[in-house]
Amino acid sequence: MISNNRVSLNGHRVKAGKDCKIGDQLLISLPKRELRIEITGFPQNNVSEQAGREYYKILAEREISPAWY
């Protein structure tokens, strides 16, 4: 997704390997929707998918037309 310019960090397109910090906002463009999330923490070890949800907050979500993707 990053290599296809579908992820922005704090309003700027990013390359793989870009460091993120708590409070950063990501805009992720998926085939049928767009998510804006805020990073709220980082796990110290591997965590389950459910536990992983504690480390980000969804700020906005909207459906998008495939033509815009």
PDB file of N, CA and C in Angstrom:
ATOM      1  N   MET A   1       0.819  -1.187   0.000  1.00  0.00           N
ATOM      2  CA  MET A   1       0.000   0.000   0.000  1.00  0.00           C
ATOM      3  C   MET A   1       0.867   1.256   0.000  1.00  0.00           C
ATOM      4  N   ILE A   2       1.944   1.245   0.756  1.00  0.00           N
ATOM      5  CA  ILE A   2       2.804   2.429   0.797  1.00  0.00           C
ATOM      6  C   ILE A   2       3.441   2.661  -0.567  1.00  0.00           C
ATOM      7  N   SER A   3       3.895   1.583  -1.215  1.00  0.00           N
ATOM      8  CA  SER A   3       4.555   1.746  -2.509  1.00  0.00           C
ATOM      9  C   SER A   3       3.587   2.245  -3.584  1.00  0.00           C
ATOM     10  N   ASN A   4       2.303   2.115  -3.372  1.00  0.00           N
ATOM     11  CA  ASN A   4       1.292   2.604  -4.311  1.00  0.00           C
ATOM     12  C   ASN A   4       0.738   3.963  -3.906  1.00  0.00           C
ATOM     13  N   ASN A   5       1.407   4.652  -2.997  1.00  0.00           N
ATOM     14  CA  ASN A   5       0.993   5.992  -2.532  1.00  0.00           C
ATOM     15  C   ASN A   5      -0.409   6.002  -1.956  1.00  0.00           C
ATOM     16  N   ARG A   6      -0.745   4.997  -1.169  1.00  0.00           N
ATOM     17  CA  ARG A   6      -2.071   4.934  -0.559  1.00  0.00           C
ATOM     18  C   ARG A   6      -2.045   5.216   0.934  1.00  0.00           C
ATOM     19  N   VAL A   7      -0.887   5.617   1.447  1.00  0.00           N
ATOM     20  CA  VAL A   7      -0.761   5.930   2.870  1.00  0.00           C
ATOM     21  C   VAL A   7      -0.103   7.297   3.012  1.00  0.00           C
ATOM     22  N   SER A   8      -0.712   8.143   3.841  1.00  0.00           N
ATOM     23  CA  SER A   8      -0.136   9.449   4.163  1.00  0.00           C
ATOM     24  C   SER A   8       0.076   9.517   5.668  1.00  0.00           C
ATOM     25  N   LEU A   9       1.146  10.161   6.074  1.00  0.00           N
ATOM     26  CA  LEU A   9       1.458  10.368   7.487  1.00  0.00           C
ATOM     27  C   LEU A   9       1.451  11.859   7.741  1.00  0.00           C
ATOM     28  N   ASN A  10       0.528  12.307   8.584  1.00  0.00           N
ATOM     29  CA  ASN A  10       0.392  13.729   8.912  1.00  0.00           C
ATOM     30  C   ASN A  10       0.277  14.594   7.656  1.00  0.00           C
ATOM     31  N   GLY A  11      -0.469  14.085   6.654  1.00  0.00           N
ATOM     32  CA  GLY A  11      -0.722  14.857   5.445  1.00  0.00           C
ATOM     33  C   GLY A  11       0.322  14.734   4.356  1.00  0.00           C
ATOM     34  N   HIS A  12       1.344  13.918   4.549  1.00  0.00           N
ATOM     35  CA  HIS A  12       2.406  13.762   3.556  1.00  0.00           C
ATOM     36  C   HIS A  12       2.531  12.299   3.145  1.00  0.00           C
ATOM     37  N   ARG A  13       2.688  12.059   1.852  1.00  0.00           N
ATOM     38  CA  ARG A  13       2.910  10.697   1.374  1.00  0.00           C
ATOM     39  C   ARG A  13       4.204  10.180   1.989  1.00  0.00           C
ATOM     40  N   VAL A  14       4.231   8.913   2.319  1.00  0.00           N
ATOM     41  CA  VAL A  14       5.410   8.346   2.988  1.00  0.00           C
ATOM     42  C   VAL A  14       5.963   7.163   2.216  1.00  0.00           C
ATOM     43  N   LYS A  15       7.215   6.865   2.491  1.00  0.00           N
ATOM     44  CA  LYS A  15       7.875   5.683   1.956  1.00  0.00           C
ATOM     45  C   LYS A  15       7.942   4.644   3.067  1.00  0.00           C
ATOM     46  N   ALA A  16       8.102   3.388   2.675  1.00  0.00           N
ATOM     47  CA  ALA A  16       8.247   2.314   3.659  1.00  0.00           C
ATOM     48  C   ALA A  16       9.442   2.609   4.562  1.00  0.00           C
ATOM     49  N   GLY A  17       9.305   2.313   5.821  1.00  0.00           N
ATOM     50  CA  GLY A  17      10.389   2.531   6.775  1.00  0.00           C
ATOM     51  C   GLY A  17      10.319   3.869   7.492  1.00  0.00           C
ATOM     52  N   LYS A  18       9.363   4.696   7.155  1.00  0.00           N
ATOM     53  CA  LYS A  18       9.210   5.991   7.830  1.00  0.00           C
ATOM     54  C   LYS A  18       8.804   5.757   9.274  1.00  0.00           C
ATOM     55  N   ASP A  19       9.487   6.400  10.195  1.00  0.00           N
ATOM     56  CA  ASP A  19       9.169   6.261  11.615  1.00  0.00           C
ATOM     57  C   ASP A  19       7.871   6.991  11.953  1.00  0.00           C
ATOM     58  N   CYS A  20       7.089   6.378  12.817  1.00  0.00           N
ATOM     59  CA  CYS A  20       5.857   6.971  13.331  1.00  0.00           C
ATOM     60  C   CYS A  20       6.017   7.172  14.825  1.00  0.00           C
ATOM     61  N   LYS A  21       5.245   8.114  15.362  1.00  0.00           N
ATOM     62  CA  LYS A  21       5.269   8.326  16.811  1.00  0.00           C
ATOM     63  C   LYS A  21       3.836   8.469  17.316  1.00  0.00           C
ATOM     64  N   ILE A  22       3.682   8.359  18.597  1.00  0.00           N
ATOM     65  CA  ILE A  22       2.362   8.508  19.201  1.00  0.00           C
ATOM     66  C   ILE A  22       1.825   9.900  18.866  1.00  0.00           C
ATOM     67  N   GLY A  23       0.570   9.945  18.453  1.00  0.00           N
ATOM     68  CA  GLY A  23      -0.064  11.199  18.061  1.00  0.00           C
ATOM     69  C   GLY A  23      -0.070  11.429  16.559  1.00  0.00           C
ATOM     70  N   ASP A  24       0.758  10.691  15.822  1.00  0.00           N
ATOM     71  CA  ASP A  24       0.762  10.819  14.362  1.00  0.00           C
ATOM     72  C   ASP A  24      -0.568  10.341  13.798  1.00  0.00           C
ATOM     73  N   GLN A  25      -0.948  10.920  12.657  1.00  0.00           N
ATOM     74  CA  GLN A  25      -2.175  10.522  11.986  1.00  0.00           C
ATOM     75  C   GLN A  25      -1.840   9.913  10.625  1.00  0.00           C
ATOM     76  N   LEU A  26      -2.482   8.782  10.351  1.00  0.00           N
ATOM     77  CA  LEU A  26      -2.311   8.097   9.080  1.00  0.00           C
ATOM     78  C   LEU A  26      -3.611   8.167   8.302  1.00  0.00           C
ATOM     79  N   LEU A  27      -3.506   8.422   7.013  1.00  0.00           N
ATOM     80  CA  LEU A  27      -4.641   8.331   6.105  1.00  0.00           C
ATOM     81  C   LEU A  27      -4.364   7.134   5.209  1.00  0.00           C
ATOM     82  N   ILE A  28      -5.228   6.138   5.261  1.00  0.00           N
ATOM     83  CA  ILE A  28      -5.035   4.892   4.528  1.00  0.00           C
ATOM     84  C   ILE A  28      -6.174   4.754   3.528  1.00  0.00           C
ATOM     85  N   SER A  29      -5.820   4.675   2.241  1.00  0.00           N
ATOM     86  CA  SER A  29      -6.816   4.524   1.179  1.00  0.00           C
ATOM     87  C   SER A  29      -6.895   3.057   0.786  1.00  0.00           C
ATOM     88  N   LEU A  30      -8.045   2.463   1.047  1.00  0.00           N
ATOM     89  CA  LEU A  30      -8.323   1.076   0.700  1.00  0.00           C
ATOM     90  C   LEU A  30      -9.204   1.065  -0.545  1.00  0.00           C
ATOM     91  N   PRO A  31      -9.446  -0.105  -1.165  1.00  0.00           N
ATOM     92  CA  PRO A  31     -10.226  -0.121  -2.398  1.00  0.00           C
ATOM     93  C   PRO A  31     -11.599   0.540  -2.310  1.00  0.00           C
ATOM     94  N   LYS A  32     -12.301   0.395  -1.205  1.00  0.00           N
ATOM     95  CA  LYS A  32     -13.651   0.956  -1.129  1.00  0.00           C
ATOM     96  C   LYS A  32     -13.847   1.941   0.010  1.00  0.00           C
ATOM     97  N   ARG A  33     -12.804   2.206   0.784  1.00  0.00           N
ATOM     98  CA  ARG A  33     -12.961   3.143   1.887  1.00  0.00           C
ATOM     99  C   ARG A  33     -11.628   3.790   2.225  1.00  0.00           C
ATOM    100  N   GLU A  34     -11.736   4.843   2.982  1.00  0.00           N
ATOM    101  CA  GLU A  34     -10.565   5.601   3.416  1.00  0.00           C
ATOM    102  C   GLU A  34     -10.651   5.733   4.933  1.00  0.00           C
ATOM    103  N   LEU A  35      -9.545   5.475   5.609  1.00  0.00           N
ATOM    104  CA  LEU A  35      -9.488   5.553   7.068  1.00  0.00           C
ATOM    105  C   LEU A  35      -8.488   6.605   7.497  1.00  0.00           C
ATOM    106  N   ARG A  36      -8.859   7.405   8.477  1.00  0.00           N
ATOM    107  CA  ARG A  36      -7.910   8.313   9.131  1.00  0.00           C
ATOM    108  C   ARG A  36      -7.792   7.821  10.560  1.00  0.00           C
ATOM    109  N   ILE A  37      -6.573   7.451  10.948  1.00  0.00           N
ATOM    110  CA  ILE A  37      -6.353   6.929  12.295  1.00  0.00           C
ATOM    111  C   ILE A  37      -5.270   7.726  13.000  1.00  0.00           C
ATOM    112  N   GLU A  38      -5.312   7.686  14.316  1.00  0.00           N
ATOM    113  CA  GLU A  38      -4.280   8.299  15.147  1.00  0.00           C
ATOM    114  C   GLU A  38      -3.586   7.195  15.929  1.00  0.00           C
ATOM    115  N   ILE A  39      -2.268   7.230  15.943  1.00  0.00           N
ATOM    116  CA  ILE A  39      -1.488   6.253  16.690  1.00  0.00           C
ATOM    117  C   ILE A  39      -1.518   6.650  18.163  1.00  0.00           C
ATOM    118  N   THR A  40      -1.956   5.724  19.015  1.00  0.00           N
ATOM    119  CA  THR A  40      -2.072   6.025  20.443  1.00  0.00           C
ATOM    120  C   THR A  40      -1.034   5.286  21.283  1.00  0.00           C
ATOM    121  N   GLY A  41      -0.275   4.392  20.669  1.00  0.00           N
ATOM    122  CA  GLY A  41       0.746   3.655  21.405  1.00  0.00           C
ATOM    123  C   GLY A  41       1.374   2.593  20.526  1.00  0.00           C
ATOM    124  N   PHE A  42       2.365   1.917  21.068  1.00  0.00           N
ATOM    125  CA  PHE A  42       3.042   0.828  20.374  1.00  0.00           C
ATOM    126  C   PHE A  42       3.177  -0.345  21.328  1.00  0.00           C
ATOM    127  N   PRO A  43       2.827  -1.552  20.871  1.00  0.00           N
ATOM    128  CA  PRO A  43       2.975  -2.719  21.747  1.00  0.00           C
ATOM    129  C   PRO A  43       4.454  -3.054  21.952  1.00  0.00           C
ATOM    130  N   GLN A  44       4.763  -3.614  23.097  1.00  0.00           N
ATOM    131  CA  GLN A  44       6.135  -4.018  23.390  1.00  0.00           C
ATOM    132  C   GLN A  44       6.467  -5.371  22.774  1.00  0.00           C
ATOM    133  N   ASN A  45       5.444  -6.196  22.564  1.00  0.00           N
ATOM    134  CA  ASN A  45       5.617  -7.532  21.990  1.00  0.00           C
ATOM    135  C   ASN A  45       4.515  -7.756  20.968  1.00  0.00           C
ATOM    136  N   ASN A  46       4.506  -8.923  20.363  1.00  0.00           N
ATOM    137  CA  ASN A  46       3.413  -9.283  19.471  1.00  0.00           C
ATOM    138  C   ASN A  46       2.118  -9.341  20.272  1.00  0.00           C
ATOM    139  N   VAL A  47       1.051  -8.854  19.674  1.00  0.00           N
ATOM    140  CA  VAL A  47      -0.255  -8.868  20.328  1.00  0.00           C
ATOM    141  C   VAL A  47      -1.292  -9.403  19.354  1.00  0.00           C
ATOM    142  N   SER A  48      -2.423  -9.832  19.877  1.00  0.00           N
ATOM    143  CA  SER A  48      -3.512 -10.312  19.033  1.00  0.00           C
ATOM    144  C   SER A  48      -4.107  -9.136  18.263  1.00  0.00           C
ATOM    145  N   GLU A  49      -4.875  -9.466  17.240  1.00  0.00           N
ATOM    146  CA  GLU A  49      -5.542  -8.427  16.465  1.00  0.00           C
ATOM    147  C   GLU A  49      -6.437  -7.582  17.359  1.00  0.00           C
ATOM    148  N   GLN A  50      -7.159  -8.224  18.241  1.00  0.00           N
ATOM    149  CA  GLN A  50      -8.058  -7.503  19.143  1.00  0.00           C
ATOM    150  C   GLN A  50      -7.273  -6.574  20.071  1.00  0.00           C
ATOM    151  N   ALA A  51      -6.185  -7.058  20.647  1.00  0.00           N
ATOM    152  CA  ALA A  51      -5.366  -6.222  21.529  1.00  0.00           C
ATOM    153  C   ALA A  51      -4.694  -5.094  20.749  1.00  0.00           C
ATOM    154  N   GLY A  52      -4.396  -5.337  19.482  1.00  0.00           N
ATOM    155  CA  GLY A  52      -3.768  -4.319  18.647  1.00  0.00           C
ATOM    156  C   GLY A  52      -4.633  -3.092  18.447  1.00  0.00           C
ATOM    157  N   ARG A  53      -5.933  -3.259  18.576  1.00  0.00           N
ATOM    158  CA  ARG A  53      -6.854  -2.129  18.412  1.00  0.00           C
ATOM    159  C   ARG A  53      -6.706  -1.081  19.514  1.00  0.00           C
ATOM    160  N   GLU A  54      -6.030  -1.425  20.578  1.00  0.00           N
ATOM    161  CA  GLU A  54      -5.802  -0.474  21.670  1.00  0.00           C
ATOM    162  C   GLU A  54      -4.735   0.560  21.321  1.00  0.00           C
ATOM    163  N   TYR A  55      -4.025   0.355  20.218  1.00  0.00           N
ATOM    164  CA  TYR A  55      -2.894   1.203  19.884  1.00  0.00           C
ATOM    165  C   TYR A  55      -3.186   2.213  18.784  1.00  0.00           C
ATOM    166  N   TYR A  56      -4.440   2.298  18.373  1.00  0.00           N
ATOM    167  CA  TYR A  56      -4.830   3.327  17.421  1.00  0.00           C
ATOM    168  C   TYR A  56      -6.295   3.700  17.649  1.00  0.00           C
ATOM    169  N   LYS A  57      -6.646   4.876  17.145  1.00  0.00           N
ATOM    170  CA  LYS A  57      -8.020   5.366  17.264  1.00  0.00           C
ATOM    171  C   LYS A  57      -8.470   5.785  15.869  1.00  0.00           C
ATOM    172  N   ILE A  58      -9.640   5.315  15.437  1.00  0.00           N
ATOM    173  CA  ILE A  58     -10.180   5.715  14.141  1.00  0.00           C
ATOM    174  C   ILE A  58     -10.811   7.094  14.297  1.00  0.00           C
ATOM    175  N   LEU A  59     -10.298   8.059  13.554  1.00  0.00           N
ATOM    176  CA  LEU A  59     -10.798   9.429  13.616  1.00  0.00           C
ATOM    177  C   LEU A  59     -11.897   9.661  12.584  1.00  0.00           C
ATOM    178  N   ALA A  60     -11.761   9.028  11.416  1.00  0.00           N
ATOM    179  CA  ALA A  60     -12.755   9.196  10.350  1.00  0.00           C
ATOM    180  C   ALA A  60     -12.692   7.984   9.434  1.00  0.00           C
ATOM    181  N   GLU A  61     -13.842   7.679   8.859  1.00  0.00           N
ATOM    182  CA  GLU A  61     -13.934   6.575   7.908  1.00  0.00           C
ATOM    183  C   GLU A  61     -14.981   6.968   6.877  1.00  0.00           C
ATOM    184  N   ARG A  62     -14.632   6.799   5.601  1.00  0.00           N
ATOM    185  CA  ARG A  62     -15.614   7.125   4.576  1.00  0.00           C
ATOM    186  C   ARG A  62     -15.477   6.169   3.404  1.00  0.00           C
ATOM    187  N   GLU A  63     -16.605   5.912   2.775  1.00  0.00           N
ATOM    188  CA  GLU A  63     -16.603   5.083   1.573  1.00  0.00           C
ATOM    189  C   GLU A  63     -16.144   5.949   0.413  1.00  0.00           C
ATOM    190  N   ILE A  64     -15.393   5.321  -0.497  1.00  0.00           N
ATOM    191  CA  ILE A  64     -14.917   6.055  -1.673  1.00  0.00           C
ATOM    192  C   ILE A  64     -15.272   5.280  -2.935  1.00  0.00           C
ATOM    193  N   SER A  65     -15.383   5.984  -4.008  1.00  0.00           N
ATOM    194  CA  SER A  65     -15.678   5.375  -5.289  1.00  0.00           C
ATOM    195  C   SER A  65     -14.405   4.726  -5.819  1.00  0.00           C
ATOM    196  N   PRO A  66     -14.487   3.555  -6.402  1.00  0.00           N
ATOM    197  CA  PRO A  66     -13.295   2.919  -6.974  1.00  0.00           C
ATOM    198  C   PRO A  66     -12.600   3.798  -8.013  1.00  0.00           C
ATOM    199  N   ALA A  67     -13.319   4.684  -8.665  1.00  0.00           N
ATOM    200  CA  ALA A  67     -12.702   5.575  -9.652  1.00  0.00           C
ATOM    201  C   ALA A  67     -11.665   6.490  -9.012  1.00  0.00           C
ATOM    202  N   TRP A  68     -11.856   6.825  -7.724  1.00  0.00           N
ATOM    203  CA  TRP A  68     -10.905   7.694  -7.023  1.00  0.00           C
ATOM    204  C   TRP A  68      -9.743   6.926  -6.454  1.00  0.00           C
ATOM    205  N   TYR A  69      -9.840   5.637  -6.437  1.00  0.00           N
ATOM    206  CA  TYR A  69      -8.792   4.806  -5.848  1.00  0.00           C
ATOM    207  C   TYR A  69      -7.663   4.734  -6.813  1.00  0.00           C
TER     208      TYR A  69
END
